[in-house]
Amino acid sequence: YLRTRGIGRLTMVGLATDFCVNFSAVDAAKLGFDVTVLESACRG
């Protein structure tokens, strides 16, 4: 979905920092996306 829309930069927020945010961010980075996790808008 992201590739077909031409989206290359991702900012992630949500729950929980150490599980679903973490796994999502790491996978996105491995796939070549430019990833930022905004910790003030996450909780762990």
PDB file of all heavy atoms in Angstrom:
ATOM      1  N   TYR A   1       0.834  -1.203   0.000  1.00  0.00           N
ATOM      2  CA  TYR A   1       0.000   0.000   0.000  1.00  0.00           C
ATOM      3  C   TYR A   1       0.873   1.259   0.000  1.00  0.00           C
ATOM      4  O   TYR A   1       0.660   2.183  -0.794  1.00  0.00           O
ATOM      5  CB  TYR A   1      -0.928  -0.008   1.220  1.00  0.00           C
ATOM      6  CG  TYR A   1      -1.761   1.245   1.349  1.00  0.00           C
ATOM      7  CD1 TYR A   1      -2.943   1.390   0.635  1.00  0.00           C
ATOM      8  CD2 TYR A   1      -1.350   2.288   2.168  1.00  0.00           C
ATOM      9  CE1 TYR A   1      -3.714   2.555   0.745  1.00  0.00           C
ATOM     10  CE2 TYR A   1      -2.100   3.449   2.284  1.00  0.00           C
ATOM     11  CZ  TYR A   1      -3.278   3.575   1.567  1.00  0.00           C
ATOM     12  OH  TYR A   1      -4.021   4.723   1.677  1.00  0.00           O
ATOM     13  N   LEU A   2       1.878   1.282   0.905  1.00  0.00           N
ATOM     14  CA  LEU A   2       2.742   2.455   1.012  1.00  0.00           C
ATOM     15  C   LEU A   2       3.515   2.682  -0.289  1.00  0.00           C
ATOM     16  O   LEU A   2       3.624   3.810  -0.771  1.00  0.00           O
ATOM     17  CB  LEU A   2       3.713   2.286   2.181  1.00  0.00           C
ATOM     18  CG  LEU A   2       3.070   2.243   3.575  1.00  0.00           C
ATOM     19  CD1 LEU A   2       4.097   1.843   4.614  1.00  0.00           C
ATOM     20  CD2 LEU A   2       2.440   3.588   3.931  1.00  0.00           C
ATOM     21  N   ARG A   3       4.031   1.599  -0.857  1.00  0.00           N
ATOM     22  CA  ARG A   3       4.834   1.745  -2.081  1.00  0.00           C
ATOM     23  C   ARG A   3       3.981   2.245  -3.243  1.00  0.00           C
ATOM     24  O   ARG A   3       4.407   3.096  -4.021  1.00  0.00           O
ATOM     25  CB  ARG A   3       5.502   0.426  -2.435  1.00  0.00           C
ATOM     26  CG  ARG A   3       6.455  -0.075  -1.336  1.00  0.00           C
ATOM     27  CD  ARG A   3       7.802  -0.498  -1.869  1.00  0.00           C
ATOM     28  NE  ARG A   3       8.604  -1.145  -0.832  1.00  0.00           N
ATOM     29  CZ  ARG A   3       9.451  -0.500  -0.029  1.00  0.00           C
ATOM     30  NH1 ARG A   3       9.598   0.806  -0.101  1.00  0.00           N
ATOM     31  NH2 ARG A   3      10.161  -1.170   0.867  1.00  0.00           N
ATOM     32  N   THR A   4       2.772   1.716  -3.392  1.00  0.00           N
ATOM     33  CA  THR A   4       1.941   2.135  -4.521  1.00  0.00           C
ATOM     34  C   THR A   4       1.483   3.587  -4.359  1.00  0.00           C
ATOM     35  O   THR A   4       1.189   4.252  -5.353  1.00  0.00           O
ATOM     36  CB  THR A   4       0.701   1.228  -4.705  1.00  0.00           C
ATOM     37  OG1 THR A   4      -0.028   1.161  -3.484  1.00  0.00           O
ATOM     38  CG2 THR A   4       1.115  -0.171  -5.128  1.00  0.00           C
ATOM     39  N   ARG A   5       1.480   4.089  -3.140  1.00  0.00           N
ATOM     40  CA  ARG A   5       1.139   5.500  -2.922  1.00  0.00           C
ATOM     41  C   ARG A   5       2.357   6.406  -2.951  1.00  0.00           C
ATOM     42  O   ARG A   5       2.232   7.625  -2.788  1.00  0.00           O
ATOM     43  CB  ARG A   5       0.398   5.666  -1.589  1.00  0.00           C
ATOM     44  CG  ARG A   5      -1.028   5.142  -1.674  1.00  0.00           C
ATOM     45  CD  ARG A   5      -1.949   5.777  -0.675  1.00  0.00           C
ATOM     46  NE  ARG A   5      -1.908   7.238  -0.675  1.00  0.00           N
ATOM     47  CZ  ARG A   5      -2.479   7.996   0.260  1.00  0.00           C
ATOM     48  NH1 ARG A   5      -3.146   7.426   1.250  1.00  0.00           N
ATOM     49  NH2 ARG A   5      -2.408   9.302   0.218  1.00  0.00           N
ATOM     50  N   GLY A   6       3.534   5.815  -3.100  1.00  0.00           N
ATOM     51  CA  GLY A   6       4.750   6.621  -3.168  1.00  0.00           C
ATOM     52  C   GLY A   6       5.180   7.191  -1.831  1.00  0.00           C
ATOM     53  O   GLY A   6       5.833   8.238  -1.762  1.00  0.00           O
ATOM     54  N   ILE A   7       4.826   6.488  -0.756  1.00  0.00           N
ATOM     55  CA  ILE A   7       5.169   6.948   0.595  1.00  0.00           C
ATOM     56  C   ILE A   7       6.483   6.306   1.034  1.00  0.00           C
ATOM     57  O   ILE A   7       6.603   5.084   1.067  1.00  0.00           O
ATOM     58  CB  ILE A   7       4.041   6.593   1.586  1.00  0.00           C
ATOM     59  CG1 ILE A   7       2.765   7.368   1.228  1.00  0.00           C
ATOM     60  CG2 ILE A   7       4.472   6.884   3.032  1.00  0.00           C
ATOM     61  CD1 ILE A   7       1.517   6.891   1.944  1.00  0.00           C
ATOM     62  N   GLY A   8       7.472   7.138   1.360  1.00  0.00           N
ATOM     63  CA  GLY A   8       8.781   6.633   1.770  1.00  0.00           C
ATOM     64  C   GLY A   8       9.160   6.974   3.193  1.00  0.00           C
ATOM     65  O   GLY A   8      10.051   6.363   3.773  1.00  0.00           O
ATOM     66  N   ARG A   9       8.478   7.963   3.780  1.00  0.00           N
ATOM     67  CA  ARG A   9       8.778   8.395   5.154  1.00  0.00           C
ATOM     68  C   ARG A   9       7.617   8.022   6.063  1.00  0.00           C
ATOM     69  O   ARG A   9       6.454   8.233   5.709  1.00  0.00           O
ATOM     70  CB  ARG A   9       8.997   9.911   5.222  1.00  0.00           C
ATOM     71  CG  ARG A   9      10.247  10.383   4.521  1.00  0.00           C
ATOM     72  CD  ARG A   9      10.336  11.920   4.599  1.00  0.00           C
ATOM     73  NE  ARG A   9      10.470  12.373   5.982  1.00  0.00           N
ATOM     74  CZ  ARG A   9      10.073  13.578   6.412  1.00  0.00           C
ATOM     75  NH1 ARG A   9       9.475  14.424   5.597  1.00  0.00           N
ATOM     76  NH2 ARG A   9      10.248  13.916   7.674  1.00  0.00           N
ATOM     77  N   LEU A  10       7.950   7.475   7.233  1.00  0.00           N
ATOM     78  CA  LEU A  10       6.935   7.050   8.194  1.00  0.00           C
ATOM     79  C   LEU A  10       7.250   7.625   9.565  1.00  0.00           C
ATOM     80  O   LEU A  10       8.388   7.555  10.025  1.00  0.00           O
ATOM     81  CB  LEU A  10       6.898   5.524   8.303  1.00  0.00           C
ATOM     82  CG  LEU A  10       6.773   4.711   7.010  1.00  0.00           C
ATOM     83  CD1 LEU A  10       6.834   3.217   7.329  1.00  0.00           C
ATOM     84  CD2 LEU A  10       5.495   5.060   6.268  1.00  0.00           C
ATOM     85  N   THR A  11       6.240   8.167  10.209  1.00  0.00           N
ATOM     86  CA  THR A  11       6.340   8.521  11.624  1.00  0.00           C
ATOM     87  C   THR A  11       5.362   7.635  12.370  1.00  0.00           C
ATOM     88  O   THR A  11       4.181   7.555  11.997  1.00  0.00           O
ATOM     89  CB  THR A  11       6.011  10.005  11.869  1.00  0.00           C
ATOM     90  OG1 THR A  11       7.043  10.796  11.267  1.00  0.00           O
ATOM     91  CG2 THR A  11       5.953  10.321  13.361  1.00  0.00           C
ATOM     92  N   MET A  12       5.870   6.946  13.400  1.00  0.00           N
ATOM     93  CA  MET A  12       5.041   5.989  14.142  1.00  0.00           C
ATOM     94  C   MET A  12       4.767   6.496  15.546  1.00  0.00           C
ATOM     95  O   MET A  12       5.659   7.011  16.222  1.00  0.00           O
ATOM     96  CB  MET A  12       5.716   4.630  14.201  1.00  0.00           C
ATOM     97  CG  MET A  12       5.856   4.001  12.830  1.00  0.00           C
ATOM     98  SD  MET A  12       6.281   2.257  12.952  1.00  0.00           S
ATOM     99  CE  MET A  12       6.336   1.853  11.207  1.00  0.00           C
ATOM    100  N   VAL A  13       3.506   6.300  15.955  1.00  0.00           N
ATOM    101  CA  VAL A  13       3.052   6.639  17.306  1.00  0.00           C
ATOM    102  C   VAL A  13       2.132   5.508  17.761  1.00  0.00           C
ATOM    103  O   VAL A  13       1.703   4.690  16.951  1.00  0.00           O
ATOM    104  CB  VAL A  13       2.289   7.988  17.310  1.00  0.00           C
ATOM    105  CG1 VAL A  13       3.197   9.136  16.889  1.00  0.00           C
ATOM    106  CG2 VAL A  13       1.055   7.937  16.405  1.00  0.00           C
ATOM    107  N   GLY A  14       1.825   5.461  19.069  1.00  0.00           N
ATOM    108  CA  GLY A  14       0.843   4.477  19.516  1.00  0.00           C
ATOM    109  C   GLY A  14       1.313   3.574  20.626  1.00  0.00           C
ATOM    110  O   GLY A  14       2.198   3.914  21.414  1.00  0.00           O
ATOM    111  N   LEU A  15       0.728   2.363  20.662  1.00  0.00           N
ATOM    112  CA  LEU A  15       0.891   1.423  21.773  1.00  0.00           C
ATOM    113  C   LEU A  15       1.265   0.031  21.259  1.00  0.00           C
ATOM    114  O   LEU A  15       0.737  -0.387  20.241  1.00  0.00           O
ATOM    115  CB  LEU A  15      -0.433   1.334  22.547  1.00  0.00           C
ATOM    116  CG  LEU A  15      -1.016   2.678  23.031  1.00  0.00           C
ATOM    117  CD1 LEU A  15      -2.411   2.488  23.587  1.00  0.00           C
ATOM    118  CD2 LEU A  15      -0.106   3.348  24.037  1.00  0.00           C
ATOM    119  N   ALA A  16       2.126  -0.626  21.904  1.00  0.00           N
ATOM    120  CA  ALA A  16       2.994  -0.142  22.968  1.00  0.00           C
ATOM    121  C   ALA A  16       4.402   0.000  22.386  1.00  0.00           C
ATOM    122  O   ALA A  16       4.797  -0.765  21.508  1.00  0.00           O
ATOM    123  CB  ALA A  16       3.000  -1.133  24.131  1.00  0.00           C
ATOM    124  N   THR A  17       5.157   0.957  22.924  1.00  0.00           N
ATOM    125  CA  THR A  17       6.479   1.280  22.388  1.00  0.00           C
ATOM    126  C   THR A  17       7.339   0.036  22.206  1.00  0.00           C
ATOM    127  O   THR A  17       8.010  -0.128  21.187  1.00  0.00           O
ATOM    128  CB  THR A  17       7.220   2.248  23.347  1.00  0.00           C
ATOM    129  OG1 THR A  17       6.343   3.281  23.748  1.00  0.00           O
ATOM    130  CG2 THR A  17       8.462   2.819  22.688  1.00  0.00           C
ATOM    131  N   ASP A  18       7.336  -0.844  23.211  1.00  0.00           N
ATOM    132  CA  ASP A  18       8.277  -1.958  23.236  1.00  0.00           C
ATOM    133  C   ASP A  18       7.763  -3.215  22.531  1.00  0.00           C
ATOM    134  O   ASP A  18       8.502  -4.190  22.400  1.00  0.00           O
ATOM    135  CB  ASP A  18       8.691  -2.303  24.667  1.00  0.00           C
ATOM    136  CG  ASP A  18       7.591  -2.131  25.700  1.00  0.00           C
ATOM    137  OD1 ASP A  18       6.558  -1.510  25.400  1.00  0.00           O
ATOM    138  OD2 ASP A  18       7.759  -2.613  26.830  1.00  0.00           O
ATOM    139  N   PHE A  19       6.534  -3.191  22.053  1.00  0.00           N
ATOM    140  CA  PHE A  19       6.027  -4.356  21.318  1.00  0.00           C
ATOM    141  C   PHE A  19       5.597  -3.950  19.905  1.00  0.00           C
ATOM    142  O   PHE A  19       6.400  -3.980  18.986  1.00  0.00           O
ATOM    143  CB  PHE A  19       4.923  -5.081  22.111  1.00  0.00           C
ATOM    144  CG  PHE A  19       5.495  -5.888  23.246  1.00  0.00           C
ATOM    145  CD1 PHE A  19       5.642  -5.341  24.518  1.00  0.00           C
ATOM    146  CD2 PHE A  19       5.950  -7.188  23.037  1.00  0.00           C
ATOM    147  CE1 PHE A  19       6.221  -6.073  25.554  1.00  0.00           C
ATOM    148  CE2 PHE A  19       6.527  -7.934  24.063  1.00  0.00           C
ATOM    149  CZ  PHE A  19       6.658  -7.374  25.321  1.00  0.00           C
ATOM    150  N   CYS A  20       4.364  -3.556  19.718  1.00  0.00           N
ATOM    151  CA  CYS A  20       3.881  -3.350  18.351  1.00  0.00           C
ATOM    152  C   CYS A  20       4.526  -2.158  17.649  1.00  0.00           C
ATOM    153  O   CYS A  20       4.792  -2.218  16.452  1.00  0.00           O
ATOM    154  CB  CYS A  20       2.363  -3.261  18.342  1.00  0.00           C
ATOM    155  SG  CYS A  20       1.618  -4.839  18.868  1.00  0.00           S
ATOM    156  N   VAL A  21       4.814  -1.083  18.382  1.00  0.00           N
ATOM    157  CA  VAL A  21       5.511   0.048  17.754  1.00  0.00           C
ATOM    158  C   VAL A  21       6.924  -0.379  17.371  1.00  0.00           C
ATOM    159  O   VAL A  21       7.383  -0.143  16.246  1.00  0.00           O
ATOM    160  CB  VAL A  21       5.537   1.283  18.691  1.00  0.00           C
ATOM    161  CG1 VAL A  21       6.385   2.403  18.077  1.00  0.00           C
ATOM    162  CG2 VAL A  21       4.120   1.778  18.970  1.00  0.00           C
ATOM    163  N   ASN A  22       7.611  -1.014  18.296  1.00  0.00           N
ATOM    164  CA  ASN A  22       8.977  -1.483  18.067  1.00  0.00           C
ATOM    165  C   ASN A  22       9.055  -2.423  16.851  1.00  0.00           C
ATOM    166  O   ASN A  22       9.858  -2.193  15.923  1.00  0.00           O
ATOM    167  CB  ASN A  22       9.454  -2.198  19.352  1.00  0.00           C
ATOM    168  CG  ASN A  22      10.736  -2.992  19.177  1.00  0.00           C
ATOM    169  OD1 ASN A  22      11.611  -2.640  18.408  1.00  0.00           O
ATOM    170  ND2 ASN A  22      10.839  -4.080  19.917  1.00  0.00           N
ATOM    171  N   PHE A  23       8.252  -3.466  16.826  1.00  0.00           N
ATOM    172  CA  PHE A  23       8.304  -4.436  15.728  1.00  0.00           C
ATOM    173  C   PHE A  23       7.952  -3.772  14.401  1.00  0.00           C
ATOM    174  O   PHE A  23       8.564  -4.066  13.367  1.00  0.00           O
ATOM    175  CB  PHE A  23       7.362  -5.616  16.002  1.00  0.00           C
ATOM    176  CG  PHE A  23       7.937  -6.656  16.925  1.00  0.00           C
ATOM    177  CD1 PHE A  23       8.110  -6.408  18.277  1.00  0.00           C
ATOM    178  CD2 PHE A  23       8.312  -7.901  16.440  1.00  0.00           C
ATOM    179  CE1 PHE A  23       8.645  -7.372  19.126  1.00  0.00           C
ATOM    180  CE2 PHE A  23       8.843  -8.883  17.286  1.00  0.00           C
ATOM    181  CZ  PHE A  23       9.016  -8.607  18.632  1.00  0.00           C
ATOM    182  N   SER A  24       6.975  -2.881  14.418  1.00  0.00           N
ATOM    183  CA  SER A  24       6.574  -2.191  13.189  1.00  0.00           C
ATOM    184  C   SER A  24       7.699  -1.297  12.679  1.00  0.00           C
ATOM    185  O   SER A  24       7.989  -1.264  11.474  1.00  0.00           O
ATOM    186  CB  SER A  24       5.326  -1.337  13.441  1.00  0.00           C
ATOM    187  OG  SER A  24       4.238  -2.135  13.855  1.00  0.00           O
ATOM    188  N   ALA A  25       8.336  -0.561  13.584  1.00  0.00           N
ATOM    189  CA  ALA A  25       9.400   0.371  13.200  1.00  0.00           C
ATOM    190  C   ALA A  25      10.611  -0.376  12.644  1.00  0.00           C
ATOM    191  O   ALA A  25      11.178   0.010  11.614  1.00  0.00           O
ATOM    192  CB  ALA A  25       9.795   1.229  14.397  1.00  0.00           C
ATOM    193  N   VAL A  26      11.006  -1.455  13.314  1.00  0.00           N
ATOM    194  CA  VAL A  26      12.167  -2.230  12.866  1.00  0.00           C
ATOM    195  C   VAL A  26      11.891  -2.856  11.496  1.00  0.00           C
ATOM    196  O   VAL A  26      12.729  -2.799  10.584  1.00  0.00           O
ATOM    197  CB  VAL A  26      12.555  -3.296  13.914  1.00  0.00           C
ATOM    198  CG1 VAL A  26      13.559  -4.290  13.348  1.00  0.00           C
ATOM    199  CG2 VAL A  26      13.116  -2.611  15.166  1.00  0.00           C
ATOM    200  N   ASP A  27      10.701  -3.428  11.325  1.00  0.00           N
ATOM    201  CA  ASP A  27      10.365  -4.017  10.020  1.00  0.00           C
ATOM    202  C   ASP A  27      10.343  -2.958   8.926  1.00  0.00           C
ATOM    203  O   ASP A  27      10.835  -3.185   7.816  1.00  0.00           O
ATOM    204  CB  ASP A  27       9.012  -4.729  10.084  1.00  0.00           C
ATOM    205  CG  ASP A  27       9.096  -6.114  10.716  1.00  0.00           C
ATOM    206  OD1 ASP A  27      10.223  -6.630  10.878  1.00  0.00           O
ATOM    207  OD2 ASP A  27       8.043  -6.681  11.050  1.00  0.00           O
ATOM    208  N   ALA A  28       9.781  -1.801   9.223  1.00  0.00           N
ATOM    209  CA  ALA A  28       9.721  -0.730   8.225  1.00  0.00           C
ATOM    210  C   ALA A  28      11.124  -0.289   7.813  1.00  0.00           C
ATOM    211  O   ALA A  28      11.400  -0.079   6.621  1.00  0.00           O
ATOM    212  CB  ALA A  28       8.936   0.460   8.771  1.00  0.00           C
ATOM    213  N   ALA A  29      12.020  -0.156   8.801  1.00  0.00           N
ATOM    214  CA  ALA A  29      13.399   0.238   8.498  1.00  0.00           C
ATOM    215  C   ALA A  29      14.095  -0.830   7.651  1.00  0.00           C
ATOM    216  O   ALA A  29      14.796  -0.513   6.676  1.00  0.00           O
ATOM    217  CB  ALA A  29      14.169   0.488   9.794  1.00  0.00           C
ATOM    218  N   LYS A  30      13.875  -2.105   7.992  1.00  0.00           N
ATOM    219  CA  LYS A  30      14.475  -3.200   7.205  1.00  0.00           C
ATOM    220  C   LYS A  30      13.970  -3.201   5.764  1.00  0.00           C
ATOM    221  O   LYS A  30      14.668  -3.622   4.850  1.00  0.00           O
ATOM    222  CB  LYS A  30      14.167  -4.559   7.864  1.00  0.00           C
ATOM    223  CG  LYS A  30      14.971  -4.836   9.121  1.00  0.00           C
ATOM    224  CD  LYS A  30      14.584  -6.182   9.719  1.00  0.00           C
ATOM    225  CE  LYS A  30      15.381  -6.489  10.975  1.00  0.00           C
ATOM    226  NZ  LYS A  30      14.898  -7.717  11.645  1.00  0.00           N
ATOM    227  N   LEU A  31      12.725  -2.740   5.571  1.00  0.00           N
ATOM    228  CA  LEU A  31      12.136  -2.683   4.226  1.00  0.00           C
ATOM    229  C   LEU A  31      12.577  -1.443   3.452  1.00  0.00           C
ATOM    230  O   LEU A  31      12.192  -1.264   2.298  1.00  0.00           O
ATOM    231  CB  LEU A  31      10.607  -2.715   4.326  1.00  0.00           C
ATOM    232  CG  LEU A  31       9.997  -4.030   4.812  1.00  0.00           C
ATOM    233  CD1 LEU A  31       8.520  -3.856   5.153  1.00  0.00           C
ATOM    234  CD2 LEU A  31      10.172  -5.131   3.759  1.00  0.00           C
ATOM    235  N   GLY A  32      13.367  -0.584   4.107  1.00  0.00           N
ATOM    236  CA  GLY A  32      13.919   0.567   3.405  1.00  0.00           C
ATOM    237  C   GLY A  32      13.177   1.874   3.594  1.00  0.00           C
ATOM    238  O   GLY A  32      13.493   2.875   2.941  1.00  0.00           O
ATOM    239  N   PHE A  33      12.192   1.907   4.483  1.00  0.00           N
ATOM    240  CA  PHE A  33      11.493   3.163   4.754  1.00  0.00           C
ATOM    241  C   PHE A  33      12.323   4.023   5.711  1.00  0.00           C
ATOM    242  O   PHE A  33      13.116   3.516   6.503  1.00  0.00           O
ATOM    243  CB  PHE A  33      10.115   2.887   5.375  1.00  0.00           C
ATOM    244  CG  PHE A  33       9.148   2.236   4.432  1.00  0.00           C
ATOM    245  CD1 PHE A  33       8.974   0.848   4.437  1.00  0.00           C
ATOM    246  CD2 PHE A  33       8.422   2.987   3.518  1.00  0.00           C
ATOM    247  CE1 PHE A  33       8.083   0.232   3.557  1.00  0.00           C
ATOM    248  CE2 PHE A  33       7.530   2.387   2.628  1.00  0.00           C
ATOM    249  CZ  PHE A  33       7.371   1.006   2.652  1.00  0.00           C
ATOM    250  N   ASP A  34      12.134   5.324   5.624  1.00  0.00           N
ATOM    251  CA  ASP A  34      12.746   6.280   6.546  1.00  0.00           C
ATOM    252  C   ASP A  34      11.786   6.391   7.737  1.00  0.00           C
ATOM    253  O   ASP A  34      10.676   6.917   7.593  1.00  0.00           O
ATOM    254  CB  ASP A  34      12.905   7.622   5.817  1.00  0.00           C
ATOM    255  CG  ASP A  34      13.447   8.729   6.708  1.00  0.00           C
ATOM    256  OD1 ASP A  34      13.618   8.508   7.921  1.00  0.00           O
ATOM    257  OD2 ASP A  34      13.677   9.833   6.188  1.00  0.00           O
ATOM    258  N   VAL A  35      12.198   5.885   8.900  1.00  0.00           N
ATOM    259  CA  VAL A  35      11.263   5.701  10.021  1.00  0.00           C
ATOM    260  C   VAL A  35      11.661   6.536  11.237  1.00  0.00           C
ATOM    261  O   VAL A  35      12.809   6.494  11.681  1.00  0.00           O
ATOM    262  CB  VAL A  35      11.203   4.215  10.460  1.00  0.00           C
ATOM    263  CG1 VAL A  35      10.109   4.006  11.496  1.00  0.00           C
ATOM    264  CG2 VAL A  35      10.991   3.303   9.265  1.00  0.00           C
ATOM    265  N   THR A  36      10.677   7.246  11.767  1.00  0.00           N
ATOM    266  CA  THR A  36      10.832   7.976  13.030  1.00  0.00           C
ATOM    267  C   THR A  36       9.768   7.476  14.002  1.00  0.00           C
ATOM    268  O   THR A  36       8.607   7.311  13.623  1.00  0.00           O
ATOM    269  CB  THR A  36      10.644   9.490  12.814  1.00  0.00           C
ATOM    270  OG1 THR A  36      11.656   9.954  11.919  1.00  0.00           O
ATOM    271  CG2 THR A  36      10.740  10.256  14.120  1.00  0.00           C
ATOM    272  N   VAL A  37      10.163   7.223  15.243  1.00  0.00           N
ATOM    273  CA  VAL A  37       9.213   6.921  16.314  1.00  0.00           C
ATOM    274  C   VAL A  37       9.172   8.137  17.230  1.00  0.00           C
ATOM    275  O   VAL A  37      10.203   8.559  17.766  1.00  0.00           O
ATOM    276  CB  VAL A  37       9.610   5.654  17.098  1.00  0.00           C
ATOM    277  CG1 VAL A  37       8.763   5.502  18.359  1.00  0.00           C
ATOM    278  CG2 VAL A  37       9.463   4.420  16.222  1.00  0.00           C
ATOM    279  N   LEU A  38       7.999   8.723  17.355  1.00  0.00           N
ATOM    280  CA  LEU A  38       7.805   9.901  18.193  1.00  0.00           C
ATOM    281  C   LEU A  38       7.423   9.417  19.590  1.00  0.00           C
ATOM    282  O   LEU A  38       6.253   9.102  19.867  1.00  0.00           O
ATOM    283  CB  LEU A  38       6.709  10.771  17.574  1.00  0.00           C
ATOM    284  CG  LEU A  38       6.440  12.130  18.214  1.00  0.00           C
ATOM    285  CD1 LEU A  38       7.684  13.013  18.195  1.00  0.00           C
ATOM    286  CD2 LEU A  38       5.289  12.814  17.492  1.00  0.00           C
ATOM    287  N   GLU A  39       8.421   9.328  20.457  1.00  0.00           N
ATOM    288  CA  GLU A  39       8.206   8.680  21.766  1.00  0.00           C
ATOM    289  C   GLU A  39       7.205   9.416  22.650  1.00  0.00           C
ATOM    290  O   GLU A  39       6.530   8.798  23.478  1.00  0.00           O
ATOM    291  CB  GLU A  39       9.536   8.506  22.489  1.00  0.00           C
ATOM    292  CG  GLU A  39      10.417   7.430  21.882  1.00  0.00           C
ATOM    293  CD  GLU A  39      11.485   6.958  22.847  1.00  0.00           C
ATOM    294  OE1 GLU A  39      11.215   6.007  23.599  1.00  0.00           O
ATOM    295  OE2 GLU A  39      12.572   7.552  22.851  1.00  0.00           O
ATOM    296  N   SER A  40       7.062  10.724  22.478  1.00  0.00           N
ATOM    297  CA  SER A  40       6.110  11.471  23.304  1.00  0.00           C
ATOM    298  C   SER A  40       4.669  11.061  23.007  1.00  0.00           C
ATOM    299  O   SER A  40       3.773  11.269  23.828  1.00  0.00           O
ATOM    300  CB  SER A  40       6.270  12.972  23.069  1.00  0.00           C
ATOM    301  OG  SER A  40       5.979  13.297  21.727  1.00  0.00           O
ATOM    302  N   ALA A  41       4.442  10.461  21.827  1.00  0.00           N
ATOM    303  CA  ALA A  41       3.100   9.999  21.451  1.00  0.00           C
ATOM    304  C   ALA A  41       3.028   8.474  21.430  1.00  0.00           C
ATOM    305  O   ALA A  41       2.259   7.873  20.687  1.00  0.00           O
ATOM    306  CB  ALA A  41       2.694  10.587  20.108  1.00  0.00           C
ATOM    307  N   CYS A  42       3.858   7.842  22.269  1.00  0.00           N
ATOM    308  CA  CYS A  42       3.835   6.383  22.480  1.00  0.00           C
ATOM    309  C   CYS A  42       3.825   6.136  23.994  1.00  0.00           C
ATOM    310  O   CYS A  42       4.220   7.002  24.768  1.00  0.00           O
ATOM    311  CB  CYS A  42       5.086   5.716  21.901  1.00  0.00           C
ATOM    312  SG  CYS A  42       5.312   5.864  20.118  1.00  0.00           S
ATOM    313  N   ARG A  43       3.414   4.958  24.378  1.00  0.00           N
ATOM    314  CA  ARG A  43       3.550   4.515  25.769  1.00  0.00           C
ATOM    315  C   ARG A  43       3.976   3.053  25.728  1.00  0.00           C
ATOM    316  O   ARG A  43       3.563   2.303  24.833  1.00  0.00           O
ATOM    317  CB  ARG A  43       2.239   4.647  26.553  1.00  0.00           C
ATOM    318  CG  ARG A  43       1.790   6.089  26.782  1.00  0.00           C
ATOM    319  CD  ARG A  43       2.711   6.853  27.724  1.00  0.00           C
ATOM    320  NE  ARG A  43       2.247   8.215  27.996  1.00  0.00           N
ATOM    321  CZ  ARG A  43       2.542   9.288  27.245  1.00  0.00           C
ATOM    322  NH1 ARG A  43       3.299   9.151  26.160  1.00  0.00           N
ATOM    323  NH2 ARG A  43       2.096  10.476  27.583  1.00  0.00           N
ATOM    324  N   GLY A  44       4.793   2.643  26.732  1.00  0.00           N
ATOM    325  CA  GLY A  44       5.329   1.290  26.735  1.00  0.00           C
ATOM    326  C   GLY A  44       4.802   0.433  27.879  1.00  0.00           C
ATOM    327  O   GLY A  44       4.253   0.951  28.851  1.00  0.00           O
TER     328      GLY A  44
END
